[in-house]
């Protein structure tokens, strides 16, 4: 027996985390991460459920995301062509990363343009 779907993790206040499941690809918020999963479970599991799992994703296995000017320009152009709206896209570092580097005053977001 198997189940395919998405687990959506949401970071809350004080680094609390919540999760939800959905069968269809989710539309996520900026404070959420979606992971596509496939659960393959033997039928015997449902005769006497005893399931424990620990899933660890090492930071070294995370993809490095970088956005260059060409990517943001392509996104802007695609939106302009489909909606006839001119927009400006700026990539903003996470506030905690900026503060750790000493580039922001508390409570302010610094935008890289």
Protein backbone atom coordinates (compact mmCIF):
# COMPACT_ATOMS: atom_id res chain seq x y z
CA UNK A 1 0.00 0.00 0.00
CA UNK A 2 1.37 3.45 -0.81
CA UNK A 3 0.45 7.13 -0.47
CA UNK A 4 1.91 9.95 -2.55
CA UNK A 5 1.54 13.54 -1.50
CA UNK A 6 3.12 16.57 0.07
CA UNK A 7 4.17 17.40 3.62
CA UNK A 8 4.10 21.15 4.25
CA UNK A 9 6.10 22.44 7.20
CA UNK A 10 5.38 25.89 8.61
CA UNK A 11 7.72 27.77 10.93
CA UNK A 12 5.77 29.53 13.64
CA UNK A 13 6.65 31.85 16.46
CA UNK A 14 9.53 30.88 18.75
CA UNK A 15 10.74 28.38 16.10
CA UNK A 16 7.70 26.14 16.67
CA UNK A 17 6.86 24.04 13.65
CA UNK A 18 3.58 22.68 12.35
CA UNK A 19 2.92 20.33 9.45
CA UNK A 20 0.06 19.34 7.18
CA UNK A 21 -0.44 16.78 4.41
CA UNK A 22 -2.02 17.18 1.00
CA UNK A 23 -2.31 14.93 -2.06
CA UNK A 24 -1.99 17.79 -4.55
CA UNK A 25 0.94 20.16 -5.05
CA UNK A 26 0.41 22.95 -2.51
CA UNK A 27 0.61 26.70 -2.85
CA UNK A 28 2.93 27.58 0.02
CA UNK A 29 3.55 30.75 2.01
CA UNK A 30 6.99 32.32 2.48
CA UNK A 31 7.32 30.69 5.92
CA UNK A 32 6.52 27.20 4.59
CA UNK A 33 8.51 24.40 2.94
CA UNK A 34 6.86 21.62 0.90
CA UNK A 35 8.42 18.19 0.46
CA UNK A 36 7.03 15.60 -1.96
CA UNK A 37 6.86 12.20 -0.24
CA UNK A 38 5.85 8.65 -1.08
CA UNK A 39 4.94 6.38 1.82
CA UNK A 40 5.16 2.66 1.08
CA UNK A 41 3.56 0.76 3.94
CA UNK A 42 3.14 -3.00 4.27
CA UNK A 43 -0.42 -4.24 4.88
CA UNK A 44 0.72 -5.94 8.08
CA UNK A 45 1.35 -2.50 9.57
CA UNK A 46 -2.41 -1.98 9.81
CA UNK A 47 -2.91 -5.24 11.67
CA UNK A 48 -0.82 -4.01 14.57
CA UNK A 49 0.37 -0.42 14.07
CA UNK A 50 3.77 0.22 15.62
CA UNK A 51 5.47 2.92 13.60
CA UNK A 52 8.22 5.30 14.65
CA UNK A 53 10.22 7.43 12.27
CA UNK A 54 12.97 10.01 12.47
CA UNK A 55 13.76 11.93 9.31
CA UNK A 56 16.90 14.07 9.21
CA UNK A 57 17.91 16.19 6.26
CA UNK A 58 21.51 17.35 6.69
CA UNK A 59 22.20 20.96 5.76
CA UNK A 60 24.95 19.75 3.44
CA UNK A 61 22.27 18.02 1.30
CA UNK A 62 20.19 21.18 0.74
CA UNK A 63 20.42 22.75 -2.70
CA UNK A 64 22.12 26.13 -2.97
CA UNK A 65 19.67 28.64 -4.33
CA UNK A 66 20.98 31.68 -6.09
CA UNK A 67 19.14 34.21 -8.17
CA UNK A 68 21.02 36.31 -10.63
CA UNK A 69 19.86 39.34 -12.56
CA UNK A 70 18.92 37.24 -15.60
CA UNK A 71 16.50 35.08 -13.60
CA UNK A 72 14.75 38.04 -11.98
CA UNK A 73 14.62 39.86 -15.33
CA UNK A 74 13.04 36.79 -16.97
CA UNK A 75 10.41 36.57 -14.21
CA UNK A 76 9.64 40.28 -14.51
CA UNK A 77 9.31 39.99 -18.30
CA UNK A 78 7.05 36.93 -18.08
CA UNK A 79 4.74 38.72 -15.64
CA UNK A 80 4.75 41.86 -17.81
CA UNK A 81 3.82 39.86 -20.92
CA UNK A 82 1.03 37.92 -19.25
CA UNK A 83 -0.47 40.73 -17.14
CA UNK A 84 0.74 43.93 -18.84
CA UNK A 85 2.04 45.08 -15.44
CA UNK A 86 5.55 46.37 -14.79
CA UNK A 87 7.01 45.00 -11.57
CA UNK A 88 10.37 45.15 -9.82
CA UNK A 89 11.74 42.02 -8.14
CA UNK A 90 14.38 42.26 -5.42
CA UNK A 91 16.00 39.26 -3.76
CA UNK A 92 15.94 39.84 0.01
CA UNK A 93 18.20 37.98 2.40
CA UNK A 94 16.65 36.41 5.46
CA UNK A 95 16.58 38.98 8.27
CA UNK A 96 18.48 36.69 10.66
CA UNK A 97 21.28 36.19 8.12
CA UNK A 98 21.59 39.94 7.62
CA UNK A 99 21.67 40.66 11.35
CA UNK A 100 24.32 37.99 11.88
CA UNK A 101 26.48 39.78 9.34
CA UNK A 102 25.88 43.08 11.15
CA UNK A 103 24.27 44.71 8.13
CA UNK A 104 20.89 45.59 9.63
CA UNK A 105 19.54 47.37 12.65
CA UNK A 106 17.05 45.37 14.73
CA UNK A 107 13.52 45.31 13.40
CA UNK A 108 14.49 46.48 9.88
CA UNK A 109 14.81 44.49 6.71
CA UNK A 110 17.57 45.38 4.34
CA UNK A 111 16.93 44.85 0.65
CA UNK A 112 19.75 44.09 -1.74
CA UNK A 113 19.14 45.82 -5.06
